[in-house]
Amino acid sequence: MRNKENWFKEKIKGVNPEIAAEVQISADIIARIDKILKEKNMTQRDLARKLGKSEAVVSRWTTGFPNLRLSSIAQLSIALGEPLIVIPID
């Protein structure tokens, strides 16, 4: 995983900061989904079933850089039983 992170960081160095931030957030969400799936010993197929979605949809959400809507993030969080995004309120 470290090599992918280093490659990713190298590639986004020259990119517009707003685009880089968006891509980083997408990558972080994908990594969080993957981590939760592994921790819960779930597959993408299991997640798709819980969501009532096709495996293709879940695959698109968990690979590449999807533009997830808040409603999709909420659905994923509920299906996984864990928040995908935590926003500190101080």
PDB file of N, CA and C in Angstrom:
ATOM      1  N   MET A   1       0.823  -1.188   0.000  1.00  0.00           N
ATOM      2  CA  MET A   1       0.000   0.000   0.000  1.00  0.00           C
ATOM      3  C   MET A   1       0.871   1.258   0.000  1.00  0.00           C
ATOM      4  N   ARG A   2       1.987   1.223   0.661  1.00  0.00           N
ATOM      5  CA  ARG A   2       2.861   2.386   0.763  1.00  0.00           C
ATOM      6  C   ARG A   2       3.325   2.850  -0.618  1.00  0.00           C
ATOM      7  N   ASN A   3       3.646   1.906  -1.518  1.00  0.00           N
ATOM      8  CA  ASN A   3       4.097   2.281  -2.848  1.00  0.00           C
ATOM      9  C   ASN A   3       3.005   3.003  -3.625  1.00  0.00           C
ATOM     10  N   LYS A   4       1.750   2.559  -3.487  1.00  0.00           N
ATOM     11  CA  LYS A   4       0.636   3.219  -4.151  1.00  0.00           C
ATOM     12  C   LYS A   4       0.466   4.636  -3.620  1.00  0.00           C
ATOM     13  N   GLU A   5       0.592   4.795  -2.301  1.00  0.00           N
ATOM     14  CA  GLU A   5       0.455   6.121  -1.697  1.00  0.00           C
ATOM     15  C   GLU A   5       1.551   7.056  -2.203  1.00  0.00           C
ATOM     16  N   ASN A   6       2.779   6.564  -2.261  1.00  0.00           N
ATOM     17  CA  ASN A   6       3.892   7.387  -2.749  1.00  0.00           C
ATOM     18  C   ASN A   6       3.692   7.753  -4.210  1.00  0.00           C
ATOM     19  N   TRP A   7       3.265   6.794  -5.015  1.00  0.00           N
ATOM     20  CA  TRP A   7       3.003   7.048  -6.428  1.00  0.00           C
ATOM     21  C   TRP A   7       1.927   8.107  -6.567  1.00  0.00           C
ATOM     22  N   PHE A   8       0.848   7.961  -5.791  1.00  0.00           N
ATOM     23  CA  PHE A   8      -0.268   8.894  -5.851  1.00  0.00           C
ATOM     24  C   PHE A   8       0.187  10.303  -5.478  1.00  0.00           C
ATOM     25  N   LYS A   9       0.915  10.427  -4.386  1.00  0.00           N
ATOM     26  CA  LYS A   9       1.383  11.741  -3.931  1.00  0.00           C
ATOM     27  C   LYS A   9       2.284  12.394  -4.974  1.00  0.00           C
ATOM     28  N   GLU A  10       3.105  11.605  -5.621  1.00  0.00           N
ATOM     29  CA  GLU A  10       3.996  12.132  -6.660  1.00  0.00           C
ATOM     30  C   GLU A  10       3.195  12.654  -7.853  1.00  0.00           C
ATOM     31  N   LYS A  11       2.160  11.927  -8.244  1.00  0.00           N
ATOM     32  CA  LYS A  11       1.361  12.294  -9.407  1.00  0.00           C
ATOM     33  C   LYS A  11       0.542  13.567  -9.206  1.00  0.00           C
ATOM     34  N   ILE A  12       0.103  13.835  -7.976  1.00  0.00           N
ATOM     35  CA  ILE A  12      -0.776  14.988  -7.771  1.00  0.00           C
ATOM     36  C   ILE A  12      -0.027  16.263  -7.389  1.00  0.00           C
ATOM     37  N   LYS A  13       1.288  16.207  -7.327  1.00  0.00           N
ATOM     38  CA  LYS A  13       2.066  17.386  -6.935  1.00  0.00           C
ATOM     39  C   LYS A  13       1.772  18.605  -7.799  1.00  0.00           C
ATOM     40  N   GLY A  14       1.656  18.435  -9.110  1.00  0.00           N
ATOM     41  CA  GLY A  14       1.474  19.564 -10.005  1.00  0.00           C
ATOM     42  C   GLY A  14       0.032  19.870 -10.352  1.00  0.00           C
ATOM     43  N   VAL A  15      -0.900  19.237  -9.683  1.00  0.00           N
ATOM     44  CA  VAL A  15      -2.312  19.391 -10.006  1.00  0.00           C
ATOM     45  C   VAL A  15      -2.911  20.567  -9.216  1.00  0.00           C
ATOM     46  N   ASN A  16      -3.920  21.176  -9.795  1.00  0.00           N
ATOM     47  CA  ASN A  16      -4.667  22.231  -9.122  1.00  0.00           C
ATOM     48  C   ASN A  16      -5.019  21.767  -7.709  1.00  0.00           C
ATOM     49  N   PRO A  17      -4.795  22.607  -6.678  1.00  0.00           N
ATOM     50  CA  PRO A  17      -5.032  22.181  -5.291  1.00  0.00           C
ATOM     51  C   PRO A  17      -6.458  21.699  -5.012  1.00  0.00           C
ATOM     52  N   GLU A  18      -7.456  22.314  -5.630  1.00  0.00           N
ATOM     53  CA  GLU A  18      -8.837  21.886  -5.405  1.00  0.00           C
ATOM     54  C   GLU A  18      -9.082  20.484  -5.968  1.00  0.00           C
ATOM     55  N   ILE A  19      -8.539  20.242  -7.140  1.00  0.00           N
ATOM     56  CA  ILE A  19      -8.687  18.919  -7.760  1.00  0.00           C
ATOM     57  C   ILE A  19      -7.920  17.889  -6.947  1.00  0.00           C
ATOM     58  N   ALA A  20      -6.730  18.243  -6.507  1.00  0.00           N
ATOM     59  CA  ALA A  20      -5.924  17.329  -5.694  1.00  0.00           C
ATOM     60  C   ALA A  20      -6.656  16.978  -4.401  1.00  0.00           C
ATOM     61  N   ALA A  21      -7.295  17.971  -3.774  1.00  0.00           N
ATOM     62  CA  ALA A  21      -8.036  17.715  -2.534  1.00  0.00           C
ATOM     63  C   ALA A  21      -9.212  16.790  -2.791  1.00  0.00           C
ATOM     64  N   GLU A  22      -9.928  17.003  -3.885  1.00  0.00           N
ATOM     65  CA  GLU A  22     -11.069  16.146  -4.224  1.00  0.00           C
ATOM     66  C   GLU A  22     -10.628  14.710  -4.467  1.00  0.00           C
ATOM     67  N   VAL A  23      -9.549  14.554  -5.203  1.00  0.00           N
ATOM     68  CA  VAL A  23      -9.026  13.216  -5.493  1.00  0.00           C
ATOM     69  C   VAL A  23      -8.556  12.541  -4.206  1.00  0.00           C
ATOM     70  N   GLN A  24      -7.920  13.305  -3.328  1.00  0.00           N
ATOM     71  CA  GLN A  24      -7.446  12.742  -2.060  1.00  0.00           C
ATOM     72  C   GLN A  24      -8.614  12.287  -1.194  1.00  0.00           C
ATOM     73  N   ILE A  25      -9.674  13.086  -1.142  1.00  0.00           N
ATOM     74  CA  ILE A  25     -10.854  12.696  -0.358  1.00  0.00           C
ATOM     75  C   ILE A  25     -11.453  11.411  -0.915  1.00  0.00           C
ATOM     76  N   SER A  26     -11.567  11.312  -2.238  1.00  0.00           N
ATOM     77  CA  SER A  26     -12.086  10.085  -2.857  1.00  0.00           C
ATOM     78  C   SER A  26     -11.214   8.889  -2.506  1.00  0.00           C
ATOM     79  N   ALA A  27      -9.896   9.080  -2.598  1.00  0.00           N
ATOM     80  CA  ALA A  27      -8.969   7.987  -2.276  1.00  0.00           C
ATOM     81  C   ALA A  27      -9.103   7.577  -0.815  1.00  0.00           C
ATOM     82  N   ASP A  28      -9.282   8.550   0.070  1.00  0.00           N
ATOM     83  CA  ASP A  28      -9.433   8.245   1.494  1.00  0.00           C
ATOM     84  C   ASP A  28     -10.728   7.468   1.760  1.00  0.00           C
ATOM     85  N   ILE A  29     -11.802   7.837   1.085  1.00  0.00           N
ATOM     86  CA  ILE A  29     -13.075   7.126   1.256  1.00  0.00           C
ATOM     87  C   ILE A  29     -12.947   5.691   0.755  1.00  0.00           C
ATOM     88  N   ILE A  30     -12.329   5.519  -0.407  1.00  0.00           N
ATOM     89  CA  ILE A  30     -12.125   4.180  -0.960  1.00  0.00           C
ATOM     90  C   ILE A  30     -11.290   3.335   0.009  1.00  0.00           C
ATOM     91  N   ALA A  31     -10.228   3.917   0.549  1.00  0.00           N
ATOM     92  CA  ALA A  31      -9.376   3.191   1.500  1.00  0.00           C
ATOM     93  C   ALA A  31     -10.162   2.826   2.759  1.00  0.00           C
ATOM     94  N   ARG A  32     -11.022   3.730   3.215  1.00  0.00           N
ATOM     95  CA  ARG A  32     -11.832   3.466   4.417  1.00  0.00           C
ATOM     96  C   ARG A  32     -12.804   2.326   4.164  1.00  0.00           C
ATOM     97  N   ILE A  33     -13.468   2.338   2.994  1.00  0.00           N
ATOM     98  CA  ILE A  33     -14.389   1.251   2.646  1.00  0.00           C
ATOM     99  C   ILE A  33     -13.632  -0.072   2.632  1.00  0.00           C
ATOM    100  N   ASP A  34     -12.487  -0.083   1.980  1.00  0.00           N
ATOM    101  CA  ASP A  34     -11.680  -1.310   1.880  1.00  0.00           C
ATOM    102  C   ASP A  34     -11.268  -1.803   3.260  1.00  0.00           C
ATOM    103  N   LYS A  35     -10.866  -0.895   4.129  1.00  0.00           N
ATOM    104  CA  LYS A  35     -10.440  -1.270   5.483  1.00  0.00           C
ATOM    105  C   LYS A  35     -11.604  -1.878   6.266  1.00  0.00           C
ATOM    106  N   ILE A  36     -12.764  -1.243   6.186  1.00  0.00           N
ATOM    107  CA  ILE A  36     -13.930  -1.763   6.917  1.00  0.00           C
ATOM    108  C   ILE A  36     -14.331  -3.131   6.379  1.00  0.00           C
ATOM    109  N   LEU A  37     -14.335  -3.281   5.056  1.00  0.00           N
ATOM    110  CA  LEU A  37     -14.677  -4.582   4.469  1.00  0.00           C
ATOM    111  C   LEU A  37     -13.742  -5.663   4.986  1.00  0.00           C
ATOM    112  N   LYS A  38     -12.459  -5.372   5.018  1.00  0.00           N
ATOM    113  CA  LYS A  38     -11.483  -6.356   5.508  1.00  0.00           C
ATOM    114  C   LYS A  38     -11.696  -6.661   6.989  1.00  0.00           C
ATOM    115  N   GLU A  39     -11.911  -5.606   7.784  1.00  0.00           N
ATOM    116  CA  GLU A  39     -12.112  -5.803   9.222  1.00  0.00           C
ATOM    117  C   GLU A  39     -13.342  -6.659   9.504  1.00  0.00           C
ATOM    118  N   LYS A  40     -14.375  -6.495   8.692  1.00  0.00           N
ATOM    119  CA  LYS A  40     -15.628  -7.221   8.907  1.00  0.00           C
ATOM    120  C   LYS A  40     -15.696  -8.504   8.085  1.00  0.00           C
ATOM    121  N   ASN A  41     -14.574  -8.815   7.401  1.00  0.00           N
ATOM    122  CA  ASN A  41     -14.502 -10.015   6.571  1.00  0.00           C
ATOM    123  C   ASN A  41     -15.656 -10.048   5.555  1.00  0.00           C
ATOM    124  N   MET A  42     -15.902  -8.901   4.944  1.00  0.00           N
ATOM    125  CA  MET A  42     -16.958  -8.773   3.935  1.00  0.00           C
ATOM    126  C   MET A  42     -16.339  -8.605   2.559  1.00  0.00           C
ATOM    127  N   THR A  43     -17.095  -8.979   1.555  1.00  0.00           N
ATOM    128  CA  THR A  43     -16.687  -8.772   0.172  1.00  0.00           C
ATOM    129  C   THR A  43     -17.506  -7.629  -0.424  1.00  0.00           C
ATOM    130  N   GLN A  44     -17.103  -7.190  -1.597  1.00  0.00           N
ATOM    131  CA  GLN A  44     -17.904  -6.197  -2.313  1.00  0.00           C
ATOM    132  C   GLN A  44     -19.284  -6.766  -2.629  1.00  0.00           C
ATOM    133  N   ARG A  45     -19.349  -8.056  -2.877  1.00  0.00           N
ATOM    134  CA  ARG A  45     -20.637  -8.716  -3.140  1.00  0.00           C
ATOM    135  C   ARG A  45     -21.544  -8.617  -1.915  1.00  0.00           C
ATOM    136  N   ASP A  46     -20.969  -8.856  -0.723  1.00  0.00           N
ATOM    137  CA  ASP A  46     -21.741  -8.730   0.517  1.00  0.00           C
ATOM    138  C   ASP A  46     -22.282  -7.312   0.673  1.00  0.00           C
ATOM    139  N   LEU A  47     -21.421  -6.346   0.408  1.00  0.00           N
ATOM    140  CA  LEU A  47     -21.820  -4.947   0.520  1.00  0.00           C
ATOM    141  C   LEU A  47     -22.918  -4.617  -0.484  1.00  0.00           C
ATOM    142  N   ALA A  48     -22.768  -5.094  -1.706  1.00  0.00           N
ATOM    143  CA  ALA A  48     -23.779  -4.853  -2.739  1.00  0.00           C
ATOM    144  C   ALA A  48     -25.132  -5.412  -2.294  1.00  0.00           C
ATOM    145  N   ARG A  49     -25.135  -6.592  -1.735  1.00  0.00           N
ATOM    146  CA  ARG A  49     -26.387  -7.203  -1.264  1.00  0.00           C
ATOM    147  C   ARG A  49     -27.028  -6.361  -0.159  1.00  0.00           C
ATOM    148  N   LYS A  50     -26.211  -5.900   0.799  1.00  0.00           N
ATOM    149  CA  LYS A  50     -26.739  -5.079   1.889  1.00  0.00           C
ATOM    150  C   LYS A  50     -27.338  -3.775   1.373  1.00  0.00           C
ATOM    151  N   LEU A  51     -26.740  -3.250   0.313  1.00  0.00           N
ATOM    152  CA  LEU A  51     -27.201  -1.984  -0.253  1.00  0.00           C
ATOM    153  C   LEU A  51     -28.353  -2.164  -1.241  1.00  0.00           C
ATOM    154  N   GLY A  52     -28.562  -3.403  -1.687  1.00  0.00           N
ATOM    155  CA  GLY A  52     -29.561  -3.627  -2.731  1.00  0.00           C
ATOM    156  C   GLY A  52     -29.103  -3.067  -4.067  1.00  0.00           C
ATOM    157  N   LYS A  53     -27.795  -3.063  -4.273  1.00  0.00           N
ATOM    158  CA  LYS A  53     -27.184  -2.541  -5.506  1.00  0.00           C
ATOM    159  C   LYS A  53     -26.483  -3.680  -6.234  1.00  0.00           C
ATOM    160  N   SER A  54     -26.157  -3.428  -7.472  1.00  0.00           N
ATOM    161  CA  SER A  54     -25.408  -4.429  -8.228  1.00  0.00           C
ATOM    162  C   SER A  54     -23.937  -4.391  -7.793  1.00  0.00           C
ATOM    163  N   GLU A  55     -23.269  -5.494  -8.026  1.00  0.00           N
ATOM    164  CA  GLU A  55     -21.840  -5.540  -7.725  1.00  0.00           C
ATOM    165  C   GLU A  55     -21.078  -4.524  -8.559  1.00  0.00           C
ATOM    166  N   ALA A  56     -21.558  -4.264  -9.774  1.00  0.00           N
ATOM    167  CA  ALA A  56     -20.895  -3.297 -10.654  1.00  0.00           C
ATOM    168  C   ALA A  56     -20.907  -1.897 -10.038  1.00  0.00           C
ATOM    169  N   VAL A  57     -22.027  -1.523  -9.425  1.00  0.00           N
ATOM    170  CA  VAL A  57     -22.122  -0.210  -8.784  1.00  0.00           C
ATOM    171  C   VAL A  57     -21.131  -0.119  -7.629  1.00  0.00           C
ATOM    172  N   VAL A  58     -21.103  -1.136  -6.793  1.00  0.00           N
ATOM    173  CA  VAL A  58     -20.190  -1.138  -5.653  1.00  0.00           C
ATOM    174  C   VAL A  58     -18.747  -1.146  -6.139  1.00  0.00           C
ATOM    175  N   SER A  59     -18.472  -1.869  -7.185  1.00  0.00           N
ATOM    176  CA  SER A  59     -17.124  -1.890  -7.750  1.00  0.00           C
ATOM    177  C   SER A  59     -16.718  -0.497  -8.231  1.00  0.00           C
ATOM    178  N   ARG A  60     -17.616   0.209  -8.889  1.00  0.00           N
ATOM    179  CA  ARG A  60     -17.321   1.581  -9.339  1.00  0.00           C
ATOM    180  C   ARG A  60     -17.058   2.496  -8.144  1.00  0.00           C
ATOM    181  N   TRP A  61     -17.806   2.282  -7.054  1.00  0.00           N
ATOM    182  CA  TRP A  61     -17.628   3.107  -5.862  1.00  0.00           C
ATOM    183  C   TRP A  61     -16.320   2.819  -5.140  1.00  0.00           C
ATOM    184  N   THR A  62     -15.781   1.632  -5.312  1.00  0.00           N
ATOM    185  CA  THR A  62     -14.608   1.232  -4.534  1.00  0.00           C
ATOM    186  C   THR A  62     -13.325   1.148  -5.354  1.00  0.00           C
ATOM    187  N   THR A  63     -13.392   1.571  -6.587  1.00  0.00           N
ATOM    188  CA  THR A  63     -12.195   1.617  -7.431  1.00  0.00           C
ATOM    189  C   THR A  63     -12.188   2.951  -8.162  1.00  0.00           C
ATOM    190  N   GLY A  64     -11.037   3.341  -8.620  1.00  0.00           N
ATOM    191  CA  GLY A  64     -10.958   4.616  -9.321  1.00  0.00           C
ATOM    192  C   GLY A  64     -11.231   5.758  -8.370  1.00  0.00           C
ATOM    193  N   PHE A  65     -11.828   6.806  -8.895  1.00  0.00           N
ATOM    194  CA  PHE A  65     -12.127   7.982  -8.082  1.00  0.00           C
ATOM    195  C   PHE A  65     -13.565   8.396  -8.322  1.00  0.00           C
ATOM    196  N   PRO A  66     -14.476   7.724  -7.616  1.00  0.00           N
ATOM    197  CA  PRO A  66     -15.894   8.011  -7.814  1.00  0.00           C
ATOM    198  C   PRO A  66     -16.264   9.383  -7.265  1.00  0.00           C
ATOM    199  N   ASN A  67     -17.269   9.964  -7.847  1.00  0.00           N
ATOM    200  CA  ASN A  67     -17.809  11.216  -7.327  1.00  0.00           C
ATOM    201  C   ASN A  67     -19.054  10.848  -6.527  1.00  0.00           C
ATOM    202  N   LEU A  68     -18.839  10.420  -5.294  1.00  0.00           N
ATOM    203  CA  LEU A  68     -19.936   9.939  -4.453  1.00  0.00           C
ATOM    204  C   LEU A  68     -20.764  11.100  -3.919  1.00  0.00           C
ATOM    205  N   ARG A  69     -22.069  10.942  -3.982  1.00  0.00           N
ATOM    206  CA  ARG A  69     -22.977  11.912  -3.374  1.00  0.00           C
ATOM    207  C   ARG A  69     -23.033  11.642  -1.877  1.00  0.00           C
ATOM    208  N   LEU A  70     -23.457  12.641  -1.129  1.00  0.00           N
ATOM    209  CA  LEU A  70     -23.589  12.449   0.313  1.00  0.00           C
ATOM    210  C   LEU A  70     -24.562  11.328   0.633  1.00  0.00           C
ATOM    211  N   SER A  71     -25.628  11.211  -0.157  1.00  0.00           N
ATOM    212  CA  SER A  71     -26.590  10.136   0.102  1.00  0.00           C
ATOM    213  C   SER A  71     -25.940   8.765  -0.092  1.00  0.00           C
ATOM    214  N   SER A  72     -25.057   8.640  -1.066  1.00  0.00           N
ATOM    215  CA  SER A  72     -24.354   7.368  -1.286  1.00  0.00           C
ATOM    216  C   SER A  72     -23.394   7.079  -0.137  1.00  0.00           C
ATOM    217  N   ILE A  73     -22.708   8.105   0.340  1.00  0.00           N
ATOM    218  CA  ILE A  73     -21.796   7.935   1.471  1.00  0.00           C
ATOM    219  C   ILE A  73     -22.590   7.510   2.707  1.00  0.00           C
ATOM    220  N   ALA A  74     -23.767   8.113   2.905  1.00  0.00           N
ATOM    221  CA  ALA A  74     -24.614   7.740   4.042  1.00  0.00           C
ATOM    222  C   ALA A  74     -25.078   6.297   3.913  1.00  0.00           C
ATOM    223  N   GLN A  75     -25.505   5.885   2.720  1.00  0.00           N
ATOM    224  CA  GLN A  75     -25.943   4.494   2.501  1.00  0.00           C
ATOM    225  C   GLN A  75     -24.804   3.524   2.787  1.00  0.00           C
ATOM    226  N   LEU A  76     -23.615   3.841   2.292  1.00  0.00           N
ATOM    227  CA  LEU A  76     -22.455   2.984   2.523  1.00  0.00           C
ATOM    228  C   LEU A  76     -22.127   2.898   4.012  1.00  0.00           C
ATOM    229  N   SER A  77     -22.177   4.028   4.697  1.00  0.00           N
ATOM    230  CA  SER A  77     -21.886   4.046   6.136  1.00  0.00           C
ATOM    231  C   SER A  77     -22.856   3.164   6.904  1.00  0.00           C
ATOM    232  N   ILE A  78     -24.132   3.256   6.565  1.00  0.00           N
ATOM    233  CA  ILE A  78     -25.149   2.446   7.242  1.00  0.00           C
ATOM    234  C   ILE A  78     -24.927   0.963   6.943  1.00  0.00           C
ATOM    235  N   ALA A  79     -24.698   0.632   5.685  1.00  0.00           N
ATOM    236  CA  ALA A  79     -24.499  -0.774   5.300  1.00  0.00           C
ATOM    237  C   ALA A  79     -23.256  -1.368   5.962  1.00  0.00           C
ATOM    238  N   LEU A  80     -22.224  -0.541   6.116  1.00  0.00           N
ATOM    239  CA  LEU A  80     -20.985  -1.019   6.730  1.00  0.00           C
ATOM    240  C   LEU A  80     -21.032  -0.962   8.258  1.00  0.00           C
ATOM    241  N   GLY A  81     -21.985  -0.210   8.776  1.00  0.00           N
ATOM    242  CA  GLY A  81     -22.098  -0.086  10.221  1.00  0.00           C
ATOM    243  C   GLY A  81     -21.018   0.783  10.832  1.00  0.00           C
ATOM    244  N   GLU A  82     -20.392   1.609  10.020  1.00  0.00           N
ATOM    245  CA  GLU A  82     -19.309   2.477  10.465  1.00  0.00           C
ATOM    246  C   GLU A  82     -19.337   3.754   9.633  1.00  0.00           C
ATOM    247  N   PRO A  83     -18.968   4.880  10.227  1.00  0.00           N
ATOM    248  CA  PRO A  83     -18.925   6.107   9.440  1.00  0.00           C
ATOM    249  C   PRO A  83     -17.762   6.098   8.454  1.00  0.00           C
ATOM    250  N   LEU A  84     -17.993   6.616   7.271  1.00  0.00           N
ATOM    251  CA  LEU A  84     -16.916   6.744   6.297  1.00  0.00           C
ATOM    252  C   LEU A  84     -16.200   8.082   6.470  1.00  0.00           C
ATOM    253  N   ILE A  85     -16.933   9.056   6.942  1.00  0.00           N
ATOM    254  CA  ILE A  85     -16.372  10.392   7.156  1.00  0.00           C
ATOM    255  C   ILE A  85     -16.691  10.830   8.575  1.00  0.00           C
ATOM    256  N   VAL A  86     -15.690  11.307   9.264  1.00  0.00           N
ATOM    257  CA  VAL A  86     -15.880  11.850  10.605  1.00  0.00           C
ATOM    258  C   VAL A  86     -15.447  13.304  10.557  1.00  0.00           C
ATOM    259  N   ILE A  87     -16.355  14.180  10.906  1.00  0.00           N
ATOM    260  CA  ILE A  87     -16.056  15.611  10.878  1.00  0.00           C
ATOM    261  C   ILE A  87     -15.980  16.102  12.326  1.00  0.00           C
ATOM    262  N   PRO A  88     -14.797  16.527  12.729  1.00  0.00           N
ATOM    263  CA  PRO A  88     -14.668  17.025  14.109  1.00  0.00           C
ATOM    264  C   PRO A  88     -15.409  18.346  14.266  1.00  0.00           C
ATOM    265  N   ILE A  89     -16.168  18.439  15.334  1.00  0.00           N
ATOM    266  CA  ILE A  89     -16.883  19.678  15.631  1.00  0.00           C
ATOM    267  C   ILE A  89     -16.360  20.185  16.963  1.00  0.00           C
ATOM    268  N   ASP A  90     -15.642  21.273  16.893  1.00  0.00           N
ATOM    269  CA  ASP A  90     -15.049  21.853  18.108  1.00  0.00           C
ATOM    270  C   ASP A  90     -15.522  23.266  18.287  1.00  0.00           C
TER     271      ASP A  90
END
